[in-house]
Structures are given as structure tokens and as C-alpha cells.
Amino acid sequence: MTDARVVTASPGWADLLSGGNLVRSLALSGGVALHAVNLYISTTILPTVVREIGGLDFYAWNTTLFVIASILGAALSSPVLAQTGPRGGYIVAAAVFIVGTLACAAAGSMPAMLAGRFVQGLGGGILLALAYAMVRRVYPEPLWPRALALLSSMWGIATLLGPAVGGIFAELDLWRGAFLILVPFAALIAGAAFLVLPRRAADGKGAEPLPLVQLVLLTIAVFAASWGGIGETIVSTVTGMLAALMLVVLFVVVERRSARKLLPAETFRLPGALGSLYATSALLAMTVTCTEIFLPLFLQELHGRSPLEAGYIAAVMSAGWTAAAILASGLLGTRRTLAVRAGPVLSLASMIALALVLPVADPVSGLVSGPAGDWLRLALICAALVVGGAGVGLAYPHLSAMVLQVAPAEEADNAASSIMTVQLCATAFGAAIAGLAVNLAGAGTSPGGMDVANAARWLFVTVALAPLACILAMRGASFRRAVSRR
């Protein structure tokens, strides 16, 4: 196969997707796609699963446990990589994912399903983090932005494929087949990794002890935030959110003082370029993930869209992310910096537009009526979603590449795998905060149910704080230092 380190003078997509790099790219992007597609398939078929095996009270725990296990898996990826090497790490992660998937397919009760989902998330989290860790190992530095854009685009593709695959199996009442179809895909990824990834770590460094205290604190914090985000009572809400905040603070204190690090040592040093990059990339990605959680509900309740229509309208945001990531991945120098800084500005504009347009059932009343008005409303919403997704796609791959560039050589693997650890944590906490905003704003005004319009308005106002924080962070000395060091 062609040496991965040999590229043309101006490396582009042809260098990434040809020769030996093609199989490497399929293996790495396939691991991300496997995790992402599984997430959307599971979400789609879950109502059918509950009708057959019961467990409605634990409906949300399917996603909560999966995300928590993914965080643990991402955190474990660095010691797995050190212990087994790149090839072995991928095979172990795929095997864990397959075991969890088979357990889900065979589940006859909700506790069995939850156990399978946890194992699935653990394997998927390792695959996710290893994919980012492998970028700096198997590609030359000029290809890092394009490789990271490819990994990032897998989420957009999964948004399109996952609901379709899950919906077909759900319609046929064959939800177990939706899990089983993932098994050969996982085996194929493991086979590709066996063929093209190095057998051992290049530096030969052994596995370091796990930072168990930090992992426990982080896990309990996610649970506390999820519990508080439900917003059933003011006591549970305040207690859950305060507990989560205190646990996160305690996590940072322990992480800074401990010899066993979960994240690279520079992450919490002030001023620190690495921490600034992690924070901005995670906050930016939250705008998409938090929006996609509730957008189908709002489209169905406020605009009369069918579940399938709502699902694919929501996918427009991920499509914007994917397209922008691919188109902007080749930018260099000043253009790259401008694209990164433009990302949160576009995301902020998108959230403001959605807060103004989506809660109003007829935002063009008096201007256009009838079917034309419906199409115009849909066009406004889709345009805002595309802009928001494009904002993330413009910046996220370059922010990830900067992490690889500024990380100390001795912590390069941990820095790369921590990209997904941080993003998954941000997604979990962001989902809890978004859920809290929806529950508090929508608790309402009518005794019969939720004030969906008010919930939608305040959700997007709340989510808009994430890109706004990115804009402010990018004006700081830490971020400027990161840009100057790339």
C-alpha cells in the first residue's frame, strides 16, 4: 500500500482517499460512523422496543447510560492504546461494541437492554476516541484538517442514515434486526484496522494507571445533571444542578493535583492554549447536539410535521455541518483563522433566528398565506439550521487539528483522544441544561400540557449562550496563543 506519509505538494482529498490512506480513512471514519449511526438507529426504534419489552419509565436512560458509557470509553482509550497498540485497540473496541449490540438484540426486558446499551457505549466511545488519536499517527500533518473533517462529517451522514434504517426496521416490527445489522459492519471495521493500523505504539510506552477518582466524579456529575435537567420539582432541579456543578469543580481540583491525569496536564493551566481549544470546540458542537434533541418535537407540535419529516428537517443542520467541514478543510493561514472565528458567529446568528422564527406557528402571517406560506416558513427554518450547522463545520475540524498541533509530544495521544472525551461530556451536560430550559419554560401556562412555543423560544436563547461564550473565548490571550502556535 502507499505510504501514508507520502503526499503531494498541495495535499487534498485525493491524498486522503487513495492508496493506503483510503483503507485507513475507511477504518477510522467507520468507527465514528458506527457509533453515530447506532445512536440514531436506537433513538428511532426505542418506542417500538418499549412496546414489546416494556420499561417506559427507563426510556431516557437508554440514551443517558449510552452517553455516560461513551464518556468512560473515550477516557479509557488512551490506556487501551498504550496497552494493546493501535491495531489491538481497535479490535478490542469493536469486539466490546459487538458484545453490547448482541445483548441489545437479544434483550427481553429493559434492564437487559440497558446493560447492552452501556456495553455498546463503552465500545463506541473507545472507537470514537481512537479514531482521533490515530489521525496524528497515520497521516502527515498537512492532512490532519481534512482527516478530522472526514471524521466530523460522519455525524452528518449518520443523521441521514440512522433514522432511515431504524425507521424501516421499526415499521417491519423487526427492531432486533436494526441492532444485528451493525454487527457485520463492526467486524468489517475491525478487519480494516487489522490490515492497515500499526501493531504497537511507536514509542513503546506502557499503560499508565487509570484516573479512577476523576472518572467516578465525572460519571456522578453527569447523572446529577441529567436528574436535575428533568425538572420534575424545584427541589430536584436545584439539588441536581448544584450537585453537578460542585462535582465538576471537585473534578477540576482533583485533576490538577493528581499525578494520574484524565486530560492532558496543560488543560487546566491558565493561561493555556489547550484548554481554550477544548472549551471552544465543545461549546460550539453543543449548539448542534442540543438543537437536534428537541427540534423534531417542536416541528411536529408547532408546525404539524410528521415524525419522518421532522427527523429529516432536523438532519439539515448536520448536513450543513458536513458540507462546511469538507469545503473548509483545505483552508490555510489567515483564511483558516477567519473560518474558525466565523464559526461561532454563524452559530449564534442561527440560534437567534430559530428563537424568533420556530416558536411562531405563522411567522409570515399577513405576508404570505396558504401553501406558499408553509414553504416559506420551512425555508426560513432550514436556512437557519444550515447556517448553524455550517458554523460548526467551519471551525470544529480546525480546532481539533490545533489540539494535535499544540499538544506536548509526550501527551499527544491523550490530547487527541480527549477531544471526544470533552465533547461527549459537553453533550451530556448541554443536553441536561437544554432539558431544564425546555421543562421550566414549557411548564406552563396550561394545566393540560407544555407551552411548546415558549419552551422552543427559551431553548434556543439558552443554547445561544454556547457560541456567545466561544466568541468571547476566541478574543482571549489563550486562544490567540493557540492560533499563533499552529
Protein backbone atom coordinates (compact mmCIF):
# COMPACT_ATOMS: atom_id res chain seq x y z
CA MET A 1 0.00 0.00 0.00
CA THR A 2 1.02 3.61 -0.48
CA ASP A 3 2.90 5.08 2.46
CA ALA A 4 0.56 7.29 4.49
CA ARG A 5 3.36 9.83 4.96
CA VAL A 6 3.81 10.45 1.23
CA VAL A 7 1.60 13.26 -0.06
CA THR A 8 1.62 15.71 -2.93
CA ALA A 9 2.99 19.23 -2.61
CA SER A 10 -0.55 20.54 -2.03
CA PRO A 11 -2.30 17.68 -0.21
CA GLY A 12 -6.02 17.37 -0.81
CA TRP A 13 -8.85 14.86 -0.67
CA ALA A 14 -7.18 12.68 -3.31
CA ASP A 15 -4.23 12.10 -0.96
CA LEU A 16 -6.57 11.17 1.90
CA LEU A 17 -8.78 8.85 -0.13
CA SER A 18 -6.32 6.94 -2.29
CA GLY A 19 -3.80 4.15 -1.86
CA GLY A 20 -3.14 3.00 1.70
CA ASN A 21 -4.78 6.13 3.08
CA LEU A 22 -8.13 5.04 1.63
CA VAL A 23 -8.31 1.93 3.81
CA ARG A 24 -7.02 3.88 6.81
CA SER A 25 -9.68 6.51 6.27
CA LEU A 26 -12.39 3.87 5.95
CA ALA A 27 -11.28 2.24 9.21
CA LEU A 28 -11.14 5.47 11.22
CA SER A 29 -14.25 7.11 9.79
CA GLY A 30 -16.09 3.79 10.01
CA GLY A 31 -15.53 3.67 13.77
CA VAL A 32 -17.07 7.11 14.19
CA ALA A 33 -19.93 6.27 11.82
CA LEU A 34 -20.66 3.04 13.69
CA HIS A 35 -21.11 4.87 16.98
CA ALA A 36 -23.12 7.71 15.45
CA VAL A 37 -25.42 5.58 13.28
CA ASN A 38 -26.13 3.32 16.24
CA LEU A 39 -27.14 6.34 18.32
CA TYR A 40 -29.72 7.50 15.77
CA ILE A 41 -30.97 3.98 15.00
CA SER A 42 -31.56 3.30 18.69
CA THR A 43 -33.41 6.58 19.17
CA THR A 44 -35.70 5.77 16.24
CA ILE A 45 -36.60 2.21 17.24
CA LEU A 46 -36.89 2.81 21.00
CA PRO A 47 -40.69 3.41 21.01
CA THR A 48 -41.12 0.02 19.28
CA VAL A 49 -38.75 -1.62 21.75
CA VAL A 50 -40.70 -0.29 24.73
CA ARG A 51 -43.99 -1.54 23.30
CA GLU A 52 -42.58 -5.08 23.18
CA ILE A 53 -40.40 -5.42 26.29
CA GLY A 54 -41.78 -2.60 28.48
CA GLY A 55 -39.73 -0.25 30.63
CA LEU A 56 -41.23 3.10 29.65
CA ASP A 57 -40.10 4.60 32.96
CA PHE A 58 -36.50 3.99 31.91
CA TYR A 59 -36.92 5.33 28.37
CA ALA A 60 -34.46 8.22 28.77
CA TRP A 61 -31.89 6.02 30.48
CA ASN A 62 -31.18 4.29 27.18
CA THR A 63 -29.52 7.47 25.96
CA THR A 64 -28.16 8.57 29.34
CA LEU A 65 -26.34 5.31 30.02
CA PHE A 66 -25.09 5.15 26.45
CA VAL A 67 -23.57 8.64 26.67
CA ILE A 68 -22.05 8.02 30.11
CA ALA A 69 -20.51 4.76 28.89
CA SER A 70 -19.20 6.58 25.81
CA ILE A 71 -17.50 9.13 28.06
CA LEU A 72 -15.89 6.32 30.04
CA GLY A 73 -14.86 4.58 26.83
CA ALA A 74 -13.28 7.72 25.44
CA ALA A 75 -11.41 8.22 28.71
CA LEU A 76 -10.21 4.60 28.61
CA SER A 77 -8.97 4.83 25.03
CA SER A 78 -5.54 6.19 25.94
CA PRO A 79 -4.62 3.31 28.31
CA VAL A 80 -6.17 0.82 25.85
CA LEU A 81 -3.98 2.27 23.12
CA ALA A 82 -0.87 2.08 25.29
CA GLN A 83 -1.63 -1.50 26.36
CA THR A 84 -2.73 -3.07 23.08
CA GLY A 85 -1.42 -0.73 20.37
CA PRO A 86 -3.48 0.88 17.59
CA ARG A 87 -4.45 -2.37 15.87
CA GLY A 88 -5.32 -4.22 19.06
CA GLY A 89 -7.16 -1.23 20.49
CA TYR A 90 -9.48 -1.02 17.50
CA ILE A 91 -10.15 -4.75 17.56
CA VAL A 92 -10.88 -4.73 21.32
CA ALA A 93 -13.21 -1.74 20.98
CA ALA A 94 -15.08 -3.33 18.05
CA ALA A 95 -15.41 -6.60 20.00
CA VAL A 96 -16.86 -4.79 23.03
CA PHE A 97 -19.30 -2.95 20.76
CA ILE A 98 -20.38 -6.23 19.11
CA VAL A 99 -21.00 -7.87 22.51
CA GLY A 100 -23.17 -4.94 23.59
CA THR A 101 -25.04 -4.93 20.29
CA LEU A 102 -25.83 -8.65 20.51
CA ALA A 103 -27.03 -8.13 24.09
CA CYS A 104 -29.39 -5.37 22.89
CA ALA A 105 -30.70 -7.56 20.08
CA ALA A 106 -31.40 -10.43 22.50
CA ALA A 107 -32.88 -8.27 25.29
CA GLY A 108 -36.17 -9.47 26.69
CA SER A 109 -36.50 -6.79 29.35
CA MET A 110 -35.48 -3.19 29.86
CA PRO A 111 -32.72 -3.98 32.41
CA ALA A 112 -31.12 -6.30 29.84
CA MET A 113 -31.45 -3.61 27.18
CA LEU A 114 -29.83 -1.01 29.44
CA ALA A 115 -26.92 -3.36 30.16
CA GLY A 116 -26.41 -3.88 26.43
CA ARG A 117 -26.61 -0.15 25.76
CA PHE A 118 -23.94 0.50 28.39
CA VAL A 119 -21.56 -2.03 26.82
CA GLN A 120 -22.32 -0.62 23.37
CA GLY A 121 -21.50 2.90 24.55
CA LEU A 122 -18.26 1.72 26.14
CA GLY A 123 -17.02 0.14 22.92
CA GLY A 124 -18.29 3.01 20.79
CA GLY A 125 -16.60 5.60 23.00
CA ILE A 126 -13.25 3.82 22.64
CA LEU A 127 -13.71 3.69 18.85
CA LEU A 128 -14.54 7.39 18.72
CA ALA A 129 -11.51 8.49 20.72
CA LEU A 130 -9.12 6.09 19.00
CA ALA A 131 -10.13 7.49 15.61
CA TYR A 132 -8.96 10.97 16.67
CA ALA A 133 -5.82 9.58 18.30
CA MET A 134 -4.91 7.75 15.09
CA VAL A 135 -5.07 10.86 12.90
CA ARG A 136 -1.68 12.14 14.05
CA ARG A 137 -0.18 8.64 13.83
CA VAL A 138 -1.17 7.57 10.33
CA TYR A 139 -1.39 10.84 8.38
CA PRO A 140 1.13 13.62 7.74
CA GLU A 141 0.33 16.93 9.42
CA PRO A 142 -0.88 18.70 6.22
CA LEU A 143 -3.70 16.11 6.01
CA TRP A 144 -4.88 16.48 9.61
CA PRO A 145 -7.61 19.08 8.91
CA ARG A 146 -9.08 17.00 6.08
CA ALA A 147 -8.91 13.78 8.10
CA LEU A 148 -10.64 15.47 11.04
CA ALA A 149 -13.24 16.94 8.67
CA LEU A 150 -13.91 13.42 7.40
CA LEU A 151 -14.42 12.13 10.94
CA SER A 152 -16.65 15.09 11.76
CA SER A 153 -18.77 14.56 8.65
CA MET A 154 -19.68 11.05 9.78
CA TRP A 155 -22.15 12.56 12.26
CA GLY A 156 -23.98 14.30 9.44
CA ILE A 157 -24.12 11.11 7.40
CA ALA A 158 -25.34 9.19 10.45
CA THR A 159 -28.14 11.71 10.91
CA LEU A 160 -29.38 10.82 7.43
CA LEU A 161 -28.86 7.05 7.59
CA GLY A 162 -29.74 6.28 11.21
CA PRO A 163 -33.40 7.37 11.24
CA ALA A 164 -34.00 5.73 7.84
CA VAL A 165 -32.53 2.36 8.85
CA GLY A 166 -34.19 2.43 12.26
CA GLY A 167 -37.50 3.52 10.77
CA ILE A 168 -37.54 0.66 8.26
CA PHE A 169 -36.92 -1.98 10.92
CA ALA A 170 -39.45 -0.34 13.26
CA GLU A 171 -42.11 -0.29 10.53
CA LEU A 172 -41.48 -4.01 9.89
CA ASP A 173 -41.61 -4.67 13.66
CA LEU A 174 -38.12 -6.16 13.43
CA TRP A 175 -36.29 -3.86 15.81
CA ARG A 176 -33.81 -6.57 16.82
CA GLY A 177 -32.59 -6.66 13.23
CA ALA A 178 -31.67 -2.96 13.49
CA PHE A 179 -29.06 -3.94 16.09
CA LEU A 180 -27.93 -7.11 14.31
CA ILE A 181 -27.21 -5.25 11.09
CA LEU A 182 -24.48 -3.32 12.92
CA VAL A 183 -22.52 -6.49 13.79
CA PRO A 184 -21.01 -7.20 10.34
CA PHE A 185 -20.27 -3.51 9.96
CA ALA A 186 -18.29 -3.55 13.22
CA ALA A 187 -16.46 -6.72 12.13
CA LEU A 188 -15.56 -5.06 8.82
CA ILE A 189 -14.09 -2.05 10.63
CA ALA A 190 -12.04 -4.35 12.88
CA GLY A 191 -10.77 -6.19 9.79
CA ALA A 192 -9.73 -2.96 8.09
CA ALA A 193 -7.95 -1.82 11.25
CA PHE A 194 -6.10 -5.17 11.39
CA LEU A 195 -4.83 -4.62 7.85
CA VAL A 196 -3.67 -1.01 7.99
CA LEU A 197 -3.05 0.18 11.57
CA PRO A 198 0.29 -0.26 13.37
CA ARG A 199 0.54 -3.24 15.68
CA ARG A 200 2.20 -1.46 18.59
CA ALA A 201 2.59 2.13 19.78
CA ALA A 202 5.61 3.76 18.17
CA ASP A 203 7.04 4.94 21.47
CA GLY A 204 6.56 1.58 23.20
CA LYS A 205 5.23 3.29 26.31
CA GLY A 206 3.20 1.07 28.62
CA ALA A 207 -0.22 1.75 30.01
CA GLU A 208 -0.48 4.18 32.90
CA PRO A 209 -2.84 3.69 35.88
CA LEU A 210 -6.38 4.89 35.30
CA PRO A 211 -7.53 8.16 36.92
CA LEU A 212 -10.36 6.37 38.71
CA VAL A 213 -11.25 9.24 41.05
CA GLN A 214 -11.77 11.65 38.16
CA LEU A 215 -13.82 9.10 36.20
CA VAL A 216 -16.10 8.48 39.17
CA LEU A 217 -16.58 12.21 39.79
CA LEU A 218 -17.35 12.87 36.14
CA THR A 219 -19.84 10.00 35.91
CA ILE A 220 -21.73 11.06 39.03
CA ALA A 221 -21.75 14.66 37.80
CA VAL A 222 -23.41 13.59 34.53
CA PHE A 223 -26.01 11.58 36.45
CA ALA A 224 -26.71 14.54 38.74
CA ALA A 225 -27.07 16.96 35.81
CA SER A 226 -29.39 14.55 33.98
CA TRP A 227 -31.55 14.16 37.07
CA GLY A 228 -31.70 17.91 37.63
CA GLY A 229 -32.45 18.53 33.95
CA ILE A 230 -35.68 16.58 34.17
CA GLY A 231 -37.07 19.44 36.24
CA GLU A 232 -39.82 17.46 37.97
CA THR A 233 -39.68 19.63 41.10
CA ILE A 234 -37.78 22.76 42.01
CA VAL A 235 -36.01 20.85 44.77
CA SER A 236 -34.75 18.10 42.47
CA THR A 237 -33.75 20.64 39.84
CA VAL A 238 -31.73 22.83 42.19
CA THR A 239 -30.23 19.86 44.01
CA GLY A 240 -29.22 18.07 40.82
CA MET A 241 -27.68 21.09 39.12
CA LEU A 242 -25.83 22.29 42.24
CA ALA A 243 -24.50 18.78 42.84
CA ALA A 244 -23.33 18.56 39.23
CA LEU A 245 -21.61 21.95 39.48
CA MET A 246 -19.86 21.04 42.73
CA LEU A 247 -18.73 17.70 41.32
CA VAL A 248 -17.30 19.37 38.21
CA VAL A 249 -15.38 21.85 40.37
CA LEU A 250 -14.12 18.97 42.50
CA PHE A 251 -13.14 17.10 39.34
CA VAL A 252 -11.04 20.05 38.17
CA VAL A 253 -9.35 20.37 41.58
CA VAL A 254 -8.53 16.65 41.71
CA GLU A 255 -7.39 16.60 38.08
CA ARG A 256 -5.00 19.49 38.61
CA ARG A 257 -3.44 17.92 41.71
CA SER A 258 -3.42 14.26 40.71
CA ALA A 259 -0.43 12.53 39.16
CA ARG A 260 -2.86 10.38 37.16
CA LYS A 261 -4.43 12.65 34.56
CA LEU A 262 -7.64 12.08 32.64
CA LEU A 263 -6.92 15.04 30.35
CA PRO A 264 -3.55 16.48 29.29
CA ALA A 265 -1.78 18.34 32.09
CA GLU A 266 -1.96 21.67 30.25
CA THR A 267 -5.77 21.59 30.00
CA PHE A 268 -6.42 23.46 33.26
CA ARG A 269 -3.35 25.66 33.30
CA LEU A 270 -4.14 29.36 32.98
CA PRO A 271 -3.50 30.79 30.54
CA GLY A 272 -3.42 27.60 28.49
CA ALA A 273 -3.86 27.13 24.76
CA LEU A 274 -5.04 23.51 25.03
CA GLY A 275 -7.85 24.21 27.50
CA SER A 276 -9.08 27.10 25.37
CA LEU A 277 -9.27 24.85 22.29
CA TYR A 278 -11.13 22.12 24.14
CA ALA A 279 -13.62 24.61 25.56
CA THR A 280 -14.37 26.38 22.27
CA SER A 281 -14.75 23.18 20.24
CA ALA A 282 -17.02 21.56 22.84
CA LEU A 283 -19.23 24.62 23.27
CA LEU A 284 -19.54 25.01 19.52
CA ALA A 285 -20.57 21.39 18.98
CA MET A 286 -23.20 21.74 21.72
CA THR A 287 -25.23 24.09 19.51
CA VAL A 288 -25.95 21.24 17.10
CA THR A 289 -26.44 18.41 19.58
CA CYS A 290 -28.73 20.36 21.91
CA THR A 291 -30.80 21.65 18.99
CA GLU A 292 -31.26 18.22 17.42
CA ILE A 293 -32.59 16.71 20.65
CA PHE A 294 -35.76 18.83 20.75
CA LEU A 295 -36.13 20.09 17.19
CA PRO A 296 -38.28 17.16 15.95
CA LEU A 297 -40.69 17.70 18.86
CA PHE A 298 -41.06 21.41 18.08
CA LEU A 299 -41.53 20.81 14.36
CA GLN A 300 -44.28 18.28 15.00
CA GLU A 301 -46.11 20.24 17.70
CA LEU A 302 -45.81 23.75 16.29
CA HIS A 303 -45.69 23.19 12.54
CA GLY A 304 -47.63 19.97 12.05
CA ARG A 305 -44.79 17.98 10.51
CA SER A 306 -44.87 14.19 10.55
CA PRO A 307 -42.20 12.35 12.58
CA LEU A 308 -40.32 11.39 9.42
CA GLU A 309 -40.48 14.93 8.03
CA ALA A 310 -39.36 16.41 11.34
CA GLY A 311 -36.46 13.99 11.58
CA TYR A 312 -35.12 14.90 8.18
CA ILE A 313 -35.66 18.62 8.61
CA ALA A 314 -33.53 18.34 11.76
CA ALA A 315 -30.91 16.50 9.71
CA VAL A 316 -30.45 19.64 7.60
CA MET A 317 -28.32 21.06 10.41
CA SER A 318 -25.92 18.13 10.31
CA ALA A 319 -25.85 18.36 6.53
CA GLY A 320 -24.68 21.98 6.86
CA TRP A 321 -22.03 20.87 9.34
CA THR A 322 -20.78 18.14 6.97
CA ALA A 323 -20.71 20.30 3.85
CA ALA A 324 -18.88 23.17 5.57
CA ALA A 325 -16.36 20.82 7.19
CA ILE A 326 -15.49 19.26 3.85
CA LEU A 327 -15.32 22.56 1.94
CA ALA A 328 -13.29 24.42 4.59
CA SER A 329 -10.88 21.63 5.49
CA GLY A 330 -8.29 22.78 2.95
CA LEU A 331 -8.11 26.39 4.18
CA LEU A 332 -4.70 27.57 5.35
CA GLY A 333 -3.20 30.54 7.15
CA THR A 334 -5.36 33.61 7.53
CA ARG A 335 -8.33 32.01 5.79
CA ARG A 336 -8.30 29.17 8.29
CA THR A 337 -8.24 31.60 11.20
CA LEU A 338 -11.12 33.59 9.70
CA ALA A 339 -13.16 30.42 9.21
CA VAL A 340 -12.60 29.39 12.83
CA ARG A 341 -13.63 32.80 14.13
CA ALA A 342 -16.65 32.95 11.81
CA GLY A 343 -17.98 29.61 13.07
CA PRO A 344 -19.46 30.71 16.41
CA VAL A 345 -20.76 33.95 14.86
CA LEU A 346 -22.81 31.94 12.36
CA SER A 347 -23.99 29.56 15.09
CA LEU A 348 -25.08 32.48 17.27
CA ALA A 349 -26.99 34.05 14.37
CA SER A 350 -28.67 30.67 13.75
CA MET A 351 -29.82 30.28 17.35
CA ILE A 352 -31.23 33.83 17.40
CA ALA A 353 -33.09 33.22 14.13
CA LEU A 354 -34.55 29.94 15.41
CA ALA A 355 -35.63 31.61 18.67
CA LEU A 356 -37.53 34.21 16.62
CA VAL A 357 -38.96 32.02 13.85
CA LEU A 358 -39.55 28.48 15.08
CA PRO A 359 -41.84 29.21 18.10
CA VAL A 360 -44.24 31.19 15.91
CA ALA A 361 -46.67 28.96 14.05
CA ASP A 362 -47.15 31.57 11.32
CA PRO A 363 -44.16 33.98 11.27
CA VAL A 364 -45.12 35.32 7.83
CA SER A 365 -48.78 35.93 8.59
CA GLY A 366 -50.12 38.82 6.57
CA LEU A 367 -47.33 38.49 4.03
CA VAL A 368 -47.81 35.06 2.50
CA SER A 369 -50.62 32.63 3.23
CA GLY A 370 -51.60 29.12 2.24
CA PRO A 371 -49.13 26.53 0.92
CA ALA A 372 -46.68 29.25 -0.12
CA GLY A 373 -46.57 30.48 3.46
CA ASP A 374 -45.90 26.96 4.72
CA TRP A 375 -42.99 26.60 2.32
CA LEU A 376 -41.61 29.98 3.28
CA ARG A 377 -41.76 29.12 6.98
CA LEU A 378 -39.97 25.85 6.27
CA ALA A 379 -37.36 27.65 4.16
CA LEU A 380 -36.63 30.11 6.97
CA ILE A 381 -36.19 27.31 9.50
CA CYS A 382 -34.00 25.24 7.17
CA ALA A 383 -31.86 28.25 6.30
CA ALA A 384 -31.23 28.92 9.99
CA LEU A 385 -30.38 25.26 10.55
CA VAL A 386 -27.94 25.18 7.62
CA VAL A 387 -26.21 28.33 8.87
CA GLY A 388 -25.92 26.91 12.38
CA GLY A 389 -24.52 23.62 11.17
CA ALA A 390 -22.12 25.35 8.78
CA GLY A 391 -20.80 27.47 11.64
CA VAL A 392 -19.75 24.33 13.50
CA GLY A 393 -18.40 22.68 10.35
CA LEU A 394 -16.23 25.69 9.51
CA ALA A 395 -14.48 25.73 12.87
CA TYR A 396 -14.60 22.32 14.52
CA PRO A 397 -12.13 20.33 12.35
CA HIS A 398 -9.57 23.15 12.52
CA LEU A 399 -9.97 23.47 16.29
CA SER A 400 -9.34 19.72 16.57
CA ALA A 401 -6.29 20.00 14.35
CA MET A 402 -4.96 22.80 16.56
CA VAL A 403 -5.27 20.47 19.56
CA LEU A 404 -2.98 17.98 17.83
CA GLN A 405 -0.55 20.75 16.89
CA VAL A 406 -0.19 22.47 20.28
CA ALA A 407 -0.25 19.35 22.50
CA PRO A 408 3.10 18.38 24.06
CA ALA A 409 4.67 15.41 22.27
CA GLU A 410 4.59 13.23 25.39
CA GLU A 411 0.82 13.76 25.74
CA ALA A 412 -0.12 13.71 22.07
CA ASP A 413 -2.23 10.53 22.22
CA ASN A 414 -4.09 11.62 25.34
CA ALA A 415 -4.72 15.07 23.86
CA ALA A 416 -6.15 13.56 20.68
CA SER A 417 -8.39 11.02 22.41
CA SER A 418 -9.54 13.69 24.88
CA ILE A 419 -11.17 15.62 22.03
CA MET A 420 -14.07 13.17 22.17
CA THR A 421 -13.99 12.88 25.97
CA VAL A 422 -14.54 16.62 26.27
CA GLN A 423 -17.16 16.73 23.51
CA LEU A 424 -19.16 13.86 24.98
CA CYS A 425 -19.09 15.50 28.42
CA ALA A 426 -20.23 18.79 26.91
CA THR A 427 -23.02 16.98 25.05
CA ALA A 428 -24.22 15.28 28.24
CA PHE A 429 -24.20 18.46 30.33
CA GLY A 430 -25.59 20.51 27.45
CA ALA A 431 -28.48 18.08 27.00
CA ALA A 432 -29.28 18.33 30.71
CA ILE A 433 -29.26 22.15 30.62
CA ALA A 434 -31.33 22.17 27.42
CA GLY A 435 -33.83 19.79 29.01
CA LEU A 436 -34.05 22.01 32.05
CA ALA A 437 -34.69 25.08 29.89
CA VAL A 438 -37.46 23.28 27.99
CA ASN A 439 -39.09 21.91 31.12
CA LEU A 440 -39.02 25.21 33.03
CA ALA A 441 -40.10 27.38 30.10
CA GLY A 442 -42.77 24.97 28.94
CA ALA A 443 -44.26 24.26 32.33
CA GLY A 444 -46.91 26.16 31.95
CA THR A 445 -49.46 28.15 31.36
CA SER A 446 -51.97 25.45 30.61
CA PRO A 447 -52.75 22.72 33.09
CA GLY A 448 -53.14 20.22 30.27
CA GLY A 449 -49.62 20.22 28.94
CA MET A 450 -46.47 22.03 27.89
CA ASP A 451 -46.27 25.51 26.41
CA VAL A 452 -44.24 24.26 23.46
CA ALA A 453 -43.77 27.67 21.83
CA ASN A 454 -42.29 29.20 24.98
CA ALA A 455 -40.15 26.10 25.52
CA ALA A 456 -38.75 26.39 21.99
CA ARG A 457 -38.03 30.09 22.37
CA TRP A 458 -36.10 29.69 25.61
CA LEU A 459 -34.26 26.60 24.43
CA PHE A 460 -32.63 28.49 21.58
CA VAL A 461 -31.97 31.52 23.79
CA THR A 462 -30.20 29.20 26.24
CA VAL A 463 -28.24 27.34 23.56
CA ALA A 464 -27.18 30.68 22.05
CA LEU A 465 -25.05 31.23 25.14
CA ALA A 466 -22.67 28.49 23.94
CA PRO A 467 -21.50 30.17 20.69
CA LEU A 468 -21.52 33.53 22.51
CA ALA A 469 -19.08 32.06 25.04
CA CYS A 470 -16.97 30.81 22.11
CA ILE A 471 -16.78 34.29 20.63
CA LEU A 472 -15.63 35.71 23.95
CA ALA A 473 -13.10 32.88 24.44
CA MET A 474 -11.63 33.48 20.99
CA ARG A 475 -10.86 37.05 22.00
CA GLY A 476 -8.72 35.85 24.90
CA ALA A 477 -4.96 35.54 25.07
CA SER A 478 -5.11 31.73 25.40
CA PHE A 479 -6.88 31.28 22.09
CA ARG A 480 -4.62 33.77 20.32
CA ARG A 481 -1.64 31.81 21.63
CA ALA A 482 -3.13 28.58 20.24
CA VAL A 483 -3.62 30.15 16.81
CA SER A 484 -0.09 31.54 16.75
CA ARG A 485 1.40 28.12 17.62
CA ARG A 486 -0.25 26.12 14.86
